[in-house]
Amino acid sequence: MIGAFRRSSGLSGLLHFRRSSQLKGSKAFEATAIVRKQSQPIRPYFRLPDSFRKTKEVGVFPSLQHSSVWSVISFAKVEFLEWYLAMVKCRPVLTKSITSALIYTAADLSSQTIALPSSEPYDLVRTLRMAGYGLLILGPSLHYWFNFMSRLFPKKDIFSTLKKMALGQSLYGPSMTVIFFSMNAFLQGENGSEIIGRLKRDLLPTMLNGVMYWPVCDFITFRFVPVHLQPLVSNSFSYAWTVYMTYMASLEKAAA
């Protein structure tokens, strides 16, 4: 009996195998297989951590986004620095003049922000005068002055640096201060006697304050900075000084 059951089981299994083989070759079997495959959920090969999956649902990694932004900013700074250095070499006077104009513009706006009440508007004509002085007078003069100093004293030792500082404090600084006060007063409509009165009142205090500020700046500039970048460094140091200068130039006219 057991043998008969085995023979019948083997016979039925063989028939089921042949029937399955015939169905596999048919189009109905292929369609059924496709439907079953689509109905079954797709299981991943591995399971991501919950924190990873939550971050992925948000769309970006905050740390990666932050680092990417700083990478772009750093790259832009490097690109701008390379462009600026190239412009200093190919168009030195124009580049240094525009740099001086921008620094004087920012310094004058800062000076007005400090001195003026919040209710009063900015004096943009005054800012334009300061920008014109930086563009037309200070920028070109810095270029030729530093080049002249480098030819006159080509070394960068302590003694040569001190001689450059002495000439700057005795010749270049006072000359530019006189030109600055005179030009600004003239553009404000002051006559010759009023300009002289302003110089008598403001020139000496300004020069005394400059002696307390500029020697350290000049020492760093002449001692450690290449000649073609000295105007840029000097302009950078002059930002705080220009805030003071624009304030002095905005004072009321002196008695004739």
Protein backbone atom coordinates (compact mmCIF):
# COMPACT_ATOMS: atom_id res chain seq x y z
CA MET A 1 0.00 0.00 0.00
CA ILE A 2 2.82 2.31 0.85
CA GLY A 3 4.50 1.44 -2.43
CA ALA A 4 1.31 2.22 -4.32
CA PHE A 5 1.05 5.61 -2.55
CA ARG A 6 4.64 6.41 -3.45
CA ARG A 7 4.05 5.42 -7.08
CA SER A 8 0.93 7.58 -7.24
CA SER A 9 2.77 10.52 -5.56
CA GLY A 10 5.64 10.17 -7.99
CA LEU A 11 3.26 9.99 -10.93
CA SER A 12 1.28 13.03 -9.81
CA GLY A 13 4.51 14.96 -9.12
CA LEU A 14 5.80 14.09 -12.57
CA LEU A 15 2.55 15.24 -14.15
CA HIS A 16 2.64 18.49 -12.13
CA PHE A 17 6.25 19.09 -13.22
CA ARG A 18 5.38 18.57 -16.88
CA ARG A 19 2.33 20.83 -16.58
CA SER A 20 4.45 23.56 -14.93
CA SER A 21 7.10 23.26 -17.63
CA GLN A 22 4.45 23.72 -20.32
CA LEU A 23 3.00 26.77 -18.53
CA LYS A 24 6.37 28.42 -18.11
CA GLY A 25 6.78 28.63 -21.84
CA SER A 26 3.38 30.22 -22.35
CA LYS A 27 2.59 33.96 -22.43
CA ALA A 28 -0.02 33.56 -19.70
CA PHE A 29 2.65 32.37 -17.29
CA GLU A 30 4.93 35.30 -18.16
CA ALA A 31 2.13 37.83 -17.56
CA THR A 32 1.26 36.19 -14.24
CA ALA A 33 4.88 36.26 -13.18
CA ILE A 34 5.17 39.96 -14.01
CA VAL A 35 2.04 40.80 -12.02
CA ARG A 36 3.27 38.81 -9.03
CA LYS A 37 6.67 40.48 -9.24
CA GLN A 38 5.14 43.96 -9.31
CA SER A 39 2.78 43.18 -6.44
CA GLN A 40 5.62 42.08 -4.18
CA PRO A 41 7.31 44.90 -2.21
CA ILE A 42 10.91 45.69 -3.13
CA ARG A 43 13.20 44.89 -0.25
CA PRO A 44 16.49 46.75 0.01
CA TYR A 45 19.74 44.90 0.35
CA PHE A 46 20.51 46.74 3.58
CA ARG A 47 18.65 48.92 6.08
CA LEU A 48 19.72 52.51 6.57
CA PRO A 49 19.95 53.97 10.07
CA ASP A 50 16.96 56.03 11.16
CA SER A 51 18.97 59.23 11.49
CA PHE A 52 20.33 58.77 7.98
CA ARG A 53 16.90 58.14 6.53
CA LYS A 54 15.41 61.18 8.29
CA THR A 55 18.16 63.38 6.96
CA LYS A 56 17.68 61.94 3.51
CA GLU A 57 13.96 62.72 3.65
CA VAL A 58 14.77 66.35 4.41
CA GLY A 59 16.75 66.49 1.18
CA VAL A 60 20.19 67.73 2.21
CA PHE A 61 22.79 67.15 4.87
CA PRO A 62 23.02 70.33 6.99
CA SER A 63 26.71 69.86 7.68
CA LEU A 64 27.46 69.17 4.04
CA GLN A 65 25.42 72.18 2.97
CA HIS A 66 27.25 74.42 5.46
CA SER A 67 30.66 73.22 4.34
CA SER A 68 29.69 73.60 0.69
CA VAL A 69 28.67 77.22 1.22
CA TRP A 70 31.95 78.01 2.97
CA SER A 71 33.85 76.23 0.20
CA VAL A 72 32.16 78.41 -2.40
CA ILE A 73 32.89 81.55 -0.37
CA SER A 74 36.54 80.57 0.08
CA PHE A 75 36.88 79.83 -3.61
CA ALA A 76 35.33 83.20 -4.48
CA LYS A 77 37.75 84.98 -2.15
CA VAL A 78 40.73 83.26 -3.75
CA GLU A 79 39.45 84.07 -7.22
CA PHE A 80 38.89 87.73 -6.30
CA LEU A 81 42.36 88.01 -4.75
CA GLU A 82 43.98 86.53 -7.84
CA TRP A 83 41.99 88.89 -10.06
CA TYR A 84 42.93 91.90 -7.91
CA LEU A 85 46.63 91.05 -7.94
CA ALA A 86 46.50 90.66 -11.71
CA MET A 87 44.82 94.06 -12.04
CA VAL A 88 47.43 95.66 -9.77
CA LYS A 89 50.15 94.42 -12.10
CA CYS A 90 48.52 95.24 -15.45
CA ARG A 91 46.68 98.48 -14.48
CA PRO A 92 48.34 99.64 -11.24
CA VAL A 93 47.31 103.32 -11.15
CA LEU A 94 43.67 102.69 -12.05
CA THR A 95 43.31 99.78 -9.63
CA LYS A 96 44.88 101.65 -6.72
CA SER A 97 42.82 104.75 -7.47
CA ILE A 98 39.54 102.81 -7.46
CA THR A 99 40.60 101.08 -4.25
CA SER A 100 41.24 104.44 -2.57
CA ALA A 101 37.89 105.77 -3.78
CA LEU A 102 36.04 102.77 -2.33
CA ILE A 103 37.84 103.04 1.01
CA TYR A 104 37.15 106.78 1.27
CA THR A 105 33.50 106.18 0.40
CA ALA A 106 33.13 103.54 3.11
CA ALA A 107 35.03 105.65 5.62
CA ASP A 108 32.91 108.73 5.01
CA LEU A 109 29.67 106.75 5.35
CA SER A 110 31.00 105.30 8.60
CA SER A 111 31.92 108.78 9.83
CA GLN A 112 28.44 110.10 9.06
CA THR A 113 26.85 107.11 10.77
CA ILE A 114 28.81 107.87 13.93
CA ALA A 115 28.41 111.67 13.93
CA LEU A 116 24.96 112.28 12.50
CA PRO A 117 21.70 111.69 14.40
CA SER A 118 19.67 108.76 13.12
CA SER A 119 16.92 111.08 11.87
CA GLU A 120 19.18 113.03 9.50
CA PRO A 121 19.90 111.65 6.00
CA TYR A 122 23.37 110.96 4.67
CA ASP A 123 25.17 113.78 2.88
CA LEU A 124 25.89 111.98 -0.38
CA VAL A 125 27.53 115.04 -1.92
CA ARG A 126 30.11 114.96 0.86
CA THR A 127 30.64 111.24 0.23
CA LEU A 128 31.11 111.96 -3.47
CA ARG A 129 33.77 114.56 -2.64
CA MET A 130 35.67 112.03 -0.54
CA ALA A 131 35.42 109.39 -3.25
CA GLY A 132 36.71 111.88 -5.83
CA TYR A 133 39.68 112.73 -3.62
CA GLY A 134 40.58 109.06 -3.28
CA LEU A 135 40.12 108.39 -6.99
CA LEU A 136 41.86 111.43 -8.48
CA ILE A 137 44.47 112.44 -5.90
CA LEU A 138 45.26 109.92 -3.19
CA GLY A 139 45.27 106.73 -5.28
CA PRO A 140 47.69 107.93 -7.98
CA SER A 141 49.90 109.75 -5.46
CA LEU A 142 50.25 106.61 -3.31
CA HIS A 143 51.34 104.62 -6.34
CA TYR A 144 54.09 107.05 -7.32
CA TRP A 145 55.14 107.77 -3.72
CA PHE A 146 55.76 104.14 -2.78
CA ASN A 147 57.56 103.47 -6.07
CA PHE A 148 59.75 106.52 -5.48
CA MET A 149 60.56 105.34 -1.94
CA SER A 150 61.49 101.87 -3.19
CA ARG A 151 63.89 103.34 -5.76
CA LEU A 152 65.35 105.83 -3.31
CA PHE A 153 65.81 103.22 -0.55
CA PRO A 154 65.61 99.79 -2.20
CA LYS A 155 66.53 97.85 0.95
CA LYS A 156 64.08 96.80 3.65
CA ASP A 157 66.39 96.91 6.64
CA ILE A 158 65.53 98.85 9.76
CA PHE A 159 67.56 101.92 8.82
CA SER A 160 66.01 102.21 5.34
CA THR A 161 62.54 101.69 6.78
CA LEU A 162 63.06 104.47 9.32
CA LYS A 163 64.21 106.85 6.58
CA LYS A 164 61.08 106.08 4.54
CA MET A 165 58.93 106.68 7.60
CA ALA A 166 60.64 110.00 8.31
CA LEU A 167 60.10 111.25 4.75
CA GLY A 168 56.48 110.11 4.85
CA GLN A 169 55.78 111.96 8.09
CA SER A 170 57.64 115.13 7.08
CA LEU A 171 56.80 115.42 3.36
CA TYR A 172 54.06 113.18 2.01
CA GLY A 173 51.68 113.20 4.98
CA PRO A 174 51.54 116.97 5.55
CA SER A 175 51.30 117.66 1.81
CA MET A 176 48.35 115.32 1.35
CA THR A 177 46.64 116.74 4.44
CA VAL A 178 46.93 120.28 3.09
CA ILE A 179 45.59 119.18 -0.29
CA PHE A 180 42.74 117.28 1.34
CA PHE A 181 41.53 120.16 3.51
CA SER A 182 42.01 122.74 0.74
CA MET A 183 40.22 120.73 -1.94
CA ASN A 184 37.31 119.83 0.33
CA ALA A 185 36.90 123.43 1.51
CA PHE A 186 37.07 124.74 -2.06
CA LEU A 187 34.38 122.31 -3.21
CA GLN A 188 32.19 123.48 -0.34
CA GLY A 189 32.42 127.03 -1.67
CA GLU A 190 34.94 128.51 0.76
CA ASN A 191 37.20 131.31 -0.46
CA GLY A 192 40.95 131.65 -0.05
CA SER A 193 40.91 133.36 3.36
CA GLU A 194 38.47 130.79 4.72
CA ILE A 195 40.63 127.94 3.46
CA ILE A 196 43.70 129.46 5.14
CA GLY A 197 41.75 129.90 8.35
CA ARG A 198 40.69 126.23 8.23
CA LEU A 199 44.28 125.12 7.70
CA LYS A 200 45.46 127.22 10.65
CA ARG A 201 42.80 125.69 12.85
CA ASP A 202 42.80 122.04 11.73
CA LEU A 203 46.19 121.23 10.16
CA LEU A 204 48.37 121.11 13.28
CA PRO A 205 45.98 119.02 15.43
CA THR A 206 45.51 116.60 12.54
CA MET A 207 49.26 116.18 12.04
CA LEU A 208 49.85 115.63 15.77
CA ASN A 209 47.21 112.93 15.83
CA GLY A 210 48.77 111.43 12.69
CA VAL A 211 52.13 111.14 14.42
CA MET A 212 50.49 108.90 17.01
CA TYR A 213 48.89 106.67 14.37
CA TRP A 214 50.89 106.46 11.16
CA PRO A 215 54.45 105.51 12.23
CA VAL A 216 53.41 101.97 13.22
CA CYS A 217 51.37 101.58 10.02
CA ASP A 218 54.24 102.87 7.87
CA PHE A 219 56.72 100.58 9.57
CA ILE A 220 54.63 97.50 8.79
CA THR A 221 53.99 98.68 5.23
CA PHE A 222 57.60 99.54 4.33
CA ARG A 223 59.20 96.67 6.21
CA PHE A 224 57.07 93.65 5.30
CA VAL A 225 54.86 94.42 2.27
CA PRO A 226 55.93 94.23 -1.41
CA VAL A 227 56.00 97.51 -3.26
CA HIS A 228 53.06 96.77 -5.57
CA LEU A 229 50.82 95.98 -2.56
CA GLN A 230 51.94 98.85 -0.33
CA PRO A 231 49.18 101.23 -1.49
CA LEU A 232 46.56 98.58 -0.71
CA VAL A 233 47.93 98.02 2.80
CA SER A 234 48.27 101.75 3.38
CA ASN A 235 44.67 102.25 2.25
CA SER A 236 43.57 99.51 4.61
CA PHE A 237 45.30 101.24 7.50
CA SER A 238 43.85 104.56 6.39
CA TYR A 239 40.25 103.45 6.87
CA ALA A 240 40.11 104.42 10.54
CA TRP A 241 42.21 107.50 9.83
CA THR A 242 39.90 108.53 7.00
CA VAL A 243 36.90 108.36 9.34
CA TYR A 244 38.69 110.97 11.45
CA MET A 245 39.77 113.03 8.42
CA THR A 246 36.29 113.20 6.93
CA TYR A 247 34.98 114.30 10.31
CA MET A 248 37.57 117.07 10.49
CA ALA A 249 36.80 118.16 6.94
CA SER A 250 33.07 118.38 7.75
CA LEU A 251 33.57 120.92 10.55
CA GLU A 252 32.20 124.41 10.17
CA LYS A 253 34.33 126.90 8.31
CA ALA A 254 36.88 128.79 10.37
CA ALA A 255 36.85 132.56 10.88
CA ALA A 256 38.81 134.34 8.19
